[in-house]
Amino acid sequence: MIDLSTIRQELVRAIAANDAAIHLRAFGAWVLGDIDGLSREVSAASGAYENNLLPEQIAALGYGKACGLLTDAQDNVLLSEIQRFSGRRFFSAGRPLRVEIDGIALLGIALVVRHVPDQTWLIDLLSRSALEVADNPWTLGLVSAAKQLLGAGPMLQDPADLAFALSLRGIGDPTDALAAGAWQLSSQVPSSQNLGLDRFSVRLASFDGVVARTSHVRIASPGFDDLLLALRGIPRAMKHWAFETKPRTPRSKIAVWHVENEYHVQALLWTILAPIFPDLEDEENLPSIGHKRPRVDLAVPSIRTLIEVKYMRGGAQADFAKVIDEVAADASLYLSTSKAFDRIVAFVWDDSAHPEQHHELQSGLEKLKGVEAAVVVSRPGRMGRRS
């Protein structure tokens, strides 16, 4: 049986390995709530402004506007471009269809047009587009979402992963039935599927959305699965980690919380796990073996589990191999000295942020004797390294 964390890491890997047009990248960041990534696409789209923006650049700015990322100057340029774009002739005879059948572009444009008085031209365009893409459920679903934004029609429920992911962004209703349909698609290993960045992003958004709705830690009697759930939720938990570029209030200083070594990672894990596991212990000393006095990073006696923390600075193959070697040596030593613990969870902080390598690292760690599970977390994108 494939572990859920493996499926998620495969989705992340597929997204990282995909190259795509600017509006597809902006859509992917928007649907995943990746503000840092979306900010980069907004900068790229607005930086390309010379004479007229392409529809893809307008759409990218539309996704940025939906998240409140545009400056006043960027917003003014965008509204000016929308006004110009509304006068364009669509579905012209002899001209290949482009934006007319580009669902990602049309949705991004609709996110802007919903704020302007004149929406008739886009509603007419979307109605014609729906006829042109009627045999393409993915594009038709995007077009229907754009129409719903403008109050011109219902949101289609197919494909389920698209409808559910968009409902999490405020377009449609995230019902239990829709979540169940989305899970059927998003819980599949994606490595053998020939999908684009937009579809992989939607599947990851659906995956995370369903897990968030159905998973919870049982605080009263937490078990091993709850430990893994808490550890795998750390990337989401760091959404509000303090890494500021300016003070949040007039009287406060800039807060920048760097994570620079294993001790910092242990402190992060302690903060998250201590309220869940009252018996959590840190720097636990195990019985000696000869001249060695093993000391583990974290331990949860109630579930007979040790947590071994590793901090990986580099992203070369040698760095990944070193982590596996170190955990292998530690696991052999720890489990041979104590009868109170019989399994280990390896937690790796990847400061090099190479998520495409995480699945292989996790698989390698989980093949080690005594390592029940492994969790690999990347340094968040907005958390820049010290110069």
Protein backbone atom coordinates (compact mmCIF):
# COMPACT_ATOMS: atom_id res chain seq x y z
CA MET A 1 0.00 0.00 0.00
CA ILE A 2 1.39 3.39 -1.02
CA ASP A 3 1.85 5.91 1.78
CA LEU A 4 -0.04 9.19 1.44
CA SER A 5 3.13 11.19 1.97
CA THR A 6 4.65 9.38 -1.03
CA ILE A 7 1.72 10.42 -3.21
CA ARG A 8 2.03 14.01 -2.10
CA GLN A 9 5.77 14.10 -2.68
CA GLU A 10 5.26 12.67 -6.17
CA LEU A 11 2.79 15.47 -6.91
CA VAL A 12 5.25 18.06 -5.62
CA ARG A 13 8.01 16.48 -7.71
CA ALA A 14 5.85 16.48 -10.84
CA ILE A 15 5.07 20.18 -10.36
CA ALA A 16 8.74 21.05 -9.84
CA ALA A 17 9.72 19.12 -12.98
CA ASN A 18 7.12 20.80 -15.21
CA ASP A 19 7.87 23.87 -17.29
CA ALA A 20 4.89 25.92 -18.40
CA ALA A 21 3.65 29.27 -19.69
CA ILE A 22 3.42 32.18 -17.26
CA HIS A 23 -0.35 32.02 -16.78
CA LEU A 24 -0.19 28.29 -16.03
CA ARG A 25 2.50 28.90 -13.43
CA ALA A 26 0.44 31.73 -11.92
CA PHE A 27 -2.68 29.54 -11.85
CA GLY A 28 -0.74 26.73 -10.16
CA ALA A 29 0.56 29.08 -7.48
CA TRP A 30 -2.91 30.61 -7.00
CA VAL A 31 -4.77 27.32 -6.65
CA LEU A 32 -2.13 26.06 -4.18
CA GLY A 33 -2.12 29.28 -2.17
CA ASP A 34 1.60 29.70 -2.91
CA ILE A 35 1.91 33.46 -2.37
CA ASP A 36 5.68 33.54 -2.89
CA GLY A 37 5.42 31.72 -6.20
CA LEU A 38 2.50 33.83 -7.35
CA SER A 39 4.38 37.03 -6.46
CA ARG A 40 7.22 35.93 -8.75
CA GLU A 41 4.82 35.38 -11.64
CA VAL A 42 3.17 38.76 -11.05
CA SER A 43 6.58 40.42 -11.21
CA ALA A 44 7.43 38.56 -14.40
CA ALA A 45 4.11 39.46 -16.04
CA SER A 46 4.21 43.14 -15.09
CA GLY A 47 7.91 43.38 -16.00
CA ALA A 48 7.08 42.28 -19.54
CA TYR A 49 4.88 45.34 -20.11
CA GLU A 50 6.08 47.42 -23.05
CA ASN A 51 3.19 48.09 -25.40
CA ASN A 52 0.37 45.59 -24.91
CA LEU A 53 0.23 42.64 -22.56
CA LEU A 54 -0.47 39.21 -23.97
CA PRO A 55 -3.63 37.43 -22.74
CA GLU A 56 -1.43 35.04 -20.74
CA GLN A 57 0.24 37.96 -18.94
CA ILE A 58 -3.14 39.57 -18.24
CA ALA A 59 -4.36 36.28 -16.77
CA ALA A 60 -1.24 35.94 -14.59
CA LEU A 61 -1.88 39.41 -13.17
CA GLY A 62 -5.51 38.42 -12.66
CA TYR A 63 -4.49 35.57 -10.38
CA GLY A 64 -2.23 37.98 -8.53
CA LYS A 65 -5.05 40.49 -8.16
CA ALA A 66 -7.29 37.78 -6.70
CA CYS A 67 -4.75 37.41 -3.86
CA GLY A 68 -4.26 41.16 -3.38
CA LEU A 69 -0.67 41.11 -4.63
CA LEU A 70 -0.79 43.96 -7.15
CA THR A 71 0.56 47.42 -6.50
CA ASP A 72 -1.60 50.39 -7.46
CA ALA A 73 0.52 50.87 -10.57
CA GLN A 74 0.16 47.22 -11.60
CA ASP A 75 -3.58 47.34 -10.95
CA ASN A 76 -3.97 50.42 -13.13
CA VAL A 77 -2.04 48.79 -15.96
CA LEU A 78 -4.14 45.64 -15.64
CA LEU A 79 -7.46 47.50 -15.77
CA SER A 80 -6.24 49.47 -18.77
CA GLU A 81 -5.25 46.25 -20.52
CA ILE A 82 -8.63 44.67 -19.75
CA GLN A 83 -10.38 47.65 -21.33
CA ARG A 84 -8.23 47.31 -24.45
CA PHE A 85 -8.68 43.54 -24.51
CA SER A 86 -12.47 43.85 -24.32
CA GLY A 87 -12.49 45.58 -27.70
CA ARG A 88 -10.73 42.72 -29.42
CA ARG A 89 -12.55 40.63 -32.02
CA PHE A 90 -12.75 36.98 -30.99
CA PHE A 91 -13.44 33.85 -33.05
CA SER A 92 -12.35 35.66 -36.24
CA ALA A 93 -12.62 33.60 -39.41
CA GLY A 94 -9.29 32.24 -40.60
CA ARG A 95 -7.48 32.95 -37.33
CA PRO A 96 -6.50 30.03 -35.07
CA LEU A 97 -8.28 29.99 -31.74
CA ARG A 98 -5.98 30.87 -28.83
CA VAL A 99 -7.30 32.64 -25.78
CA GLU A 100 -10.83 31.69 -26.86
CA ILE A 101 -10.21 28.08 -25.83
CA ASP A 102 -7.61 28.64 -23.09
CA GLY A 103 -9.51 27.91 -19.87
CA ILE A 104 -6.67 28.98 -17.55
CA ALA A 105 -6.37 32.35 -19.33
CA LEU A 106 -10.12 32.92 -19.37
CA LEU A 107 -10.44 32.19 -15.64
CA GLY A 108 -7.57 34.56 -14.82
CA ILE A 109 -9.19 37.29 -16.91
CA ALA A 110 -12.58 36.65 -15.26
CA LEU A 111 -10.98 37.22 -11.85
CA VAL A 112 -10.32 40.79 -13.00
CA VAL A 113 -13.49 41.45 -14.99
CA ARG A 114 -15.69 40.54 -12.03
CA HIS A 115 -14.58 43.86 -10.50
CA VAL A 116 -15.44 46.06 -13.51
CA PRO A 117 -18.89 47.28 -14.65
CA ASP A 118 -18.73 45.99 -18.25
CA GLN A 119 -18.79 42.20 -18.15
CA THR A 120 -21.06 41.46 -21.12
CA TRP A 121 -18.23 41.00 -23.63
CA LEU A 122 -16.54 38.33 -21.50
CA ILE A 123 -19.81 36.53 -20.73
CA ASP A 124 -20.48 36.33 -24.49
CA LEU A 125 -16.94 35.08 -25.08
CA LEU A 126 -17.27 32.42 -22.38
CA SER A 127 -20.61 31.22 -23.74
CA ARG A 128 -19.07 30.72 -27.19
CA SER A 129 -15.97 29.15 -25.66
CA ALA A 130 -18.10 26.60 -23.79
CA LEU A 131 -19.49 25.38 -27.11
CA GLU A 132 -16.03 25.13 -28.66
CA VAL A 133 -14.58 23.05 -25.79
CA ALA A 134 -17.67 20.98 -25.01
CA ASP A 135 -15.73 17.75 -25.62
CA ASN A 136 -12.91 18.75 -23.24
CA PRO A 137 -14.09 18.40 -19.61
CA TRP A 138 -10.99 20.10 -18.16
CA THR A 139 -11.26 23.29 -20.22
CA LEU A 140 -15.05 23.27 -19.98
CA GLY A 141 -14.78 23.12 -16.19
CA LEU A 142 -12.49 26.17 -16.19
CA VAL A 143 -14.83 28.07 -18.49
CA SER A 144 -17.80 27.22 -16.28
CA ALA A 145 -15.86 28.50 -13.25
CA ALA A 146 -15.21 31.78 -15.08
CA LYS A 147 -18.91 32.06 -15.93
CA GLN A 148 -19.90 31.46 -12.30
CA LEU A 149 -17.57 34.24 -11.19
CA LEU A 150 -19.58 36.59 -13.41
CA GLY A 151 -22.95 35.18 -12.36
CA ALA A 152 -23.53 33.74 -15.83
CA GLY A 153 -23.92 30.06 -15.06
CA PRO A 154 -23.34 27.21 -12.58
CA MET A 155 -19.99 25.66 -11.81
CA LEU A 156 -19.68 22.18 -13.32
CA GLN A 157 -18.74 19.34 -10.97
CA ASP A 158 -16.54 17.57 -13.50
CA PRO A 159 -13.61 17.02 -13.32
CA ALA A 160 -14.11 16.58 -9.59
CA ASP A 161 -10.56 17.49 -8.60
CA LEU A 162 -10.78 20.77 -10.52
CA ALA A 163 -14.20 21.64 -9.09
CA PHE A 164 -13.08 20.84 -5.54
CA ALA A 165 -9.79 22.76 -5.82
CA LEU A 166 -11.61 25.81 -7.20
CA SER A 167 -14.24 25.57 -4.46
CA LEU A 168 -11.43 25.89 -1.92
CA ARG A 169 -10.55 29.18 -3.64
CA GLY A 170 -14.12 30.46 -3.30
CA ILE A 171 -15.57 29.32 -6.66
CA GLY A 172 -18.33 26.82 -5.91
CA ASP A 173 -19.25 24.79 -2.84
CA PRO A 174 -16.78 22.22 -1.40
CA THR A 175 -19.35 19.52 -0.63
CA ASP A 176 -18.49 16.12 0.83
CA ALA A 177 -19.58 14.42 -2.40
CA LEU A 178 -17.26 16.64 -4.42
CA ALA A 179 -14.40 16.00 -2.00
CA ALA A 180 -14.93 12.24 -2.37
CA GLY A 181 -14.77 12.50 -6.15
CA ALA A 182 -11.68 14.67 -5.98
CA TRP A 183 -9.96 12.16 -3.70
CA GLN A 184 -10.42 9.39 -6.26
CA LEU A 185 -8.26 11.38 -8.67
CA SER A 186 -5.82 13.20 -6.39
CA SER A 187 -4.86 10.14 -4.31
CA GLN A 188 -3.33 8.36 -7.30
CA VAL A 189 0.42 8.24 -7.84
CA PRO A 190 0.96 10.72 -10.70
CA SER A 191 4.37 9.64 -11.99
CA SER A 192 3.04 7.71 -14.98
CA GLN A 193 0.45 10.28 -16.02
CA ASN A 194 1.14 12.80 -18.75
CA LEU A 195 -0.43 15.86 -17.17
CA GLY A 196 0.52 19.52 -17.27
CA LEU A 197 1.54 21.86 -14.47
CA ASP A 198 -2.03 23.14 -14.10
CA ARG A 199 -3.49 19.66 -13.59
CA PHE A 200 -0.77 18.52 -11.21
CA SER A 201 -1.29 21.71 -9.18
CA VAL A 202 -5.03 21.08 -8.99
CA ARG A 203 -4.47 17.52 -7.84
CA LEU A 204 -2.10 18.65 -5.11
CA ALA A 205 -4.55 21.35 -3.99
CA SER A 206 -7.34 18.74 -3.90
CA PHE A 207 -5.14 16.26 -2.06
CA ASP A 208 -4.24 18.79 0.63
CA GLY A 209 -7.82 20.04 0.82
CA VAL A 210 -9.33 16.59 1.38
CA VAL A 211 -6.66 15.66 3.93
CA ALA A 212 -7.31 18.89 5.81
CA ARG A 213 -11.05 18.13 5.92
CA THR A 214 -10.75 14.53 7.07
CA SER A 215 -7.58 14.33 9.15
CA HIS A 216 -7.22 15.33 12.75
CA VAL A 217 -4.98 14.48 15.64
CA ARG A 218 -6.71 12.72 18.52
CA ILE A 219 -5.46 14.87 21.36
CA ALA A 220 -7.00 12.63 24.03
CA SER A 221 -5.05 9.51 23.02
CA PRO A 222 -2.60 10.30 20.25
CA GLY A 223 -0.91 7.40 18.51
CA PHE A 224 1.83 6.77 15.96
CA ASP A 225 -0.36 7.82 13.02
CA ASP A 226 -1.08 11.09 14.79
CA LEU A 227 2.65 11.70 15.18
CA LEU A 228 3.15 11.25 11.44
CA LEU A 229 0.17 13.47 10.71
CA ALA A 230 1.65 16.27 12.82
CA LEU A 231 5.10 15.94 11.25
CA ARG A 232 3.77 15.87 7.70
CA GLY A 233 1.68 18.95 8.42
CA ILE A 234 4.73 21.07 9.27
CA PRO A 235 4.98 22.73 5.80
CA ARG A 236 1.44 24.06 6.23
CA ALA A 237 2.12 24.95 9.88
CA MET A 238 4.95 27.24 8.77
CA LYS A 239 2.66 29.43 6.69
CA HIS A 240 2.87 32.19 9.32
CA TRP A 241 6.46 31.54 10.39
CA ALA A 242 8.00 34.93 11.05
CA PHE A 243 10.27 35.93 8.17
CA GLU A 244 9.49 39.58 7.70
CA THR A 245 10.92 42.21 5.38
CA LYS A 246 9.36 45.08 7.33
CA PRO A 247 7.81 45.59 10.78
CA ARG A 248 4.22 44.38 11.15
CA THR A 249 3.34 47.19 13.56
CA PRO A 250 4.79 50.70 14.04
CA ARG A 251 6.42 49.78 17.37
CA SER A 252 7.73 46.32 16.54
CA LYS A 253 11.03 45.23 15.06
CA ILE A 254 11.47 43.04 12.02
CA ALA A 255 11.21 39.37 13.02
CA VAL A 256 13.29 36.88 11.02
CA TRP A 257 13.36 33.34 12.42
CA HIS A 258 16.13 31.46 10.67
CA VAL A 259 16.35 27.66 10.85
CA GLU A 260 20.08 27.03 10.58
CA ASN A 261 20.87 23.74 12.32
CA GLU A 262 19.46 20.57 13.83
CA TYR A 263 18.86 22.26 17.18
CA HIS A 264 16.55 24.79 15.53
CA VAL A 265 14.64 21.96 13.83
CA GLN A 266 14.35 20.12 17.15
CA ALA A 267 12.95 23.28 18.73
CA LEU A 268 10.37 23.53 15.93
CA LEU A 269 9.32 19.89 16.41
CA TRP A 270 9.14 20.33 20.18
CA THR A 271 6.82 23.32 19.79
CA ILE A 272 4.46 21.33 17.57
CA LEU A 273 4.58 17.95 19.31
CA ALA A 274 4.75 18.85 23.01
CA PRO A 275 1.06 19.88 23.29
CA ILE A 276 0.04 16.61 21.58
CA PHE A 277 2.35 14.19 23.40
CA PRO A 278 2.72 15.11 27.10
CA ASP A 279 5.50 12.54 27.54
CA LEU A 280 7.64 13.96 24.73
CA GLU A 281 11.31 13.99 25.77
CA ASP A 282 14.29 15.75 24.18
CA GLU A 283 17.97 14.82 24.24
CA GLU A 284 17.00 11.44 25.70
CA ASN A 285 19.98 9.39 26.95
CA LEU A 286 19.83 5.69 26.16
CA PRO A 287 21.77 2.93 27.94
CA SER A 288 25.50 2.93 27.18
CA ILE A 289 27.25 0.53 24.83
CA GLY A 290 30.88 0.34 25.88
CA HIS A 291 32.26 3.85 25.69
CA LYS A 292 29.25 5.11 23.72
CA ARG A 293 26.38 6.90 25.45
CA PRO A 294 23.69 7.24 22.73
CA ARG A 295 21.52 10.33 22.94
CA VAL A 296 18.48 10.68 20.68
CA ASP A 297 16.95 13.95 19.52
CA LEU A 298 13.33 13.37 20.57
CA ALA A 299 11.46 10.45 22.08
CA VAL A 300 7.82 9.55 22.71
CA PRO A 301 7.79 6.66 25.22
CA SER A 302 4.01 6.21 25.10
CA ILE A 303 4.20 5.06 21.47
CA ARG A 304 7.71 3.52 21.78
CA THR A 305 9.05 5.88 19.09
CA LEU A 306 12.30 7.79 18.65
CA ILE A 307 12.55 10.81 16.34
CA GLU A 308 15.90 11.33 14.65
CA VAL A 309 16.39 14.82 13.21
CA LYS A 310 18.75 15.59 10.34
CA TYR A 311 19.62 18.96 8.81
CA MET A 312 20.77 18.78 5.19
CA ARG A 313 22.49 21.89 3.85
CA GLY A 314 23.49 20.80 0.36
CA GLY A 315 21.42 19.31 -2.45
CA ALA A 316 24.06 17.08 -4.08
CA GLN A 317 23.71 13.30 -4.28
CA ALA A 318 26.45 12.99 -1.68
CA ASP A 319 24.39 15.04 0.80
CA PHE A 320 21.37 12.77 0.42
CA ALA A 321 23.56 9.66 0.73
CA LYS A 322 25.19 11.06 3.87
CA VAL A 323 21.81 11.49 5.56
CA ILE A 324 20.90 7.85 4.84
CA ASP A 325 24.26 6.64 6.16
CA GLU A 326 23.94 8.69 9.36
CA VAL A 327 20.39 7.52 10.06
CA ALA A 328 21.40 3.91 9.38
CA ALA A 329 24.21 4.15 11.93
CA ASP A 330 22.01 5.86 14.50
CA ALA A 331 19.12 3.39 14.07
CA SER A 332 21.43 0.41 14.58
CA LEU A 333 22.86 1.94 17.74
CA TYR A 334 19.63 3.24 19.28
CA LEU A 335 17.48 0.14 18.90
CA SER A 336 20.20 -2.17 20.17
CA THR A 337 20.51 -0.28 23.47
CA SER A 338 16.91 0.20 24.55
CA LYS A 339 13.95 -2.08 25.14
CA ALA A 340 11.67 0.90 25.68
CA PHE A 341 11.67 1.91 21.99
CA ASP A 342 11.22 -0.25 18.92
CA ARG A 343 10.87 2.15 16.00
CA ILE A 344 12.31 5.35 14.62
CA VAL A 345 10.91 8.21 12.59
CA ALA A 346 13.51 10.10 10.57
CA PHE A 347 12.77 13.81 10.09
CA VAL A 348 14.95 15.61 7.54
CA TRP A 349 15.04 19.38 7.06
CA ASP A 350 16.18 20.00 3.47
CA ASP A 351 17.71 23.45 3.56
CA SER A 352 18.70 23.11 -0.11
CA ALA A 353 14.99 22.86 -1.06
CA HIS A 354 15.20 20.03 -3.60
CA PRO A 355 11.73 18.46 -3.37
CA GLU A 356 12.25 16.45 -6.56
CA GLN A 357 14.73 14.32 -4.56
CA HIS A 358 12.54 13.79 -1.51
CA HIS A 359 10.73 10.66 -2.66
CA GLU A 360 13.99 8.81 -3.29
CA LEU A 361 15.41 9.95 0.06
CA GLN A 362 12.27 8.95 1.94
CA SER A 363 12.20 5.55 0.24
CA GLY A 364 15.84 4.97 1.09
CA LEU A 365 15.35 5.88 4.74
CA GLU A 366 12.27 3.72 5.14
CA LYS A 367 14.20 0.69 3.89
CA LEU A 368 16.53 0.94 6.87
CA LYS A 369 15.93 -1.56 9.66
CA GLY A 370 14.02 0.06 12.50
CA VAL A 371 12.98 3.16 10.54
CA GLU A 372 9.21 2.98 10.46
CA ALA A 373 8.68 6.22 8.55
CA ALA A 374 10.54 9.21 7.16
CA VAL A 375 9.38 12.80 6.67
CA VAL A 376 11.34 15.23 4.49
CA VAL A 377 10.51 18.93 4.61
CA SER A 378 12.00 21.69 2.45
CA ARG A 379 13.03 25.11 3.68
CA PRO A 380 10.07 27.36 2.71
CA GLY A 381 10.68 29.43 -0.42
CA ARG A 382 10.25 32.76 1.33
CA MET A 383 12.80 31.79 3.98
CA GLY A 384 15.95 33.13 2.31
CA ARG A 385 19.38 32.02 3.48
CA ARG A 386 21.72 34.41 5.22
CA SER A 387 24.20 36.01 2.85
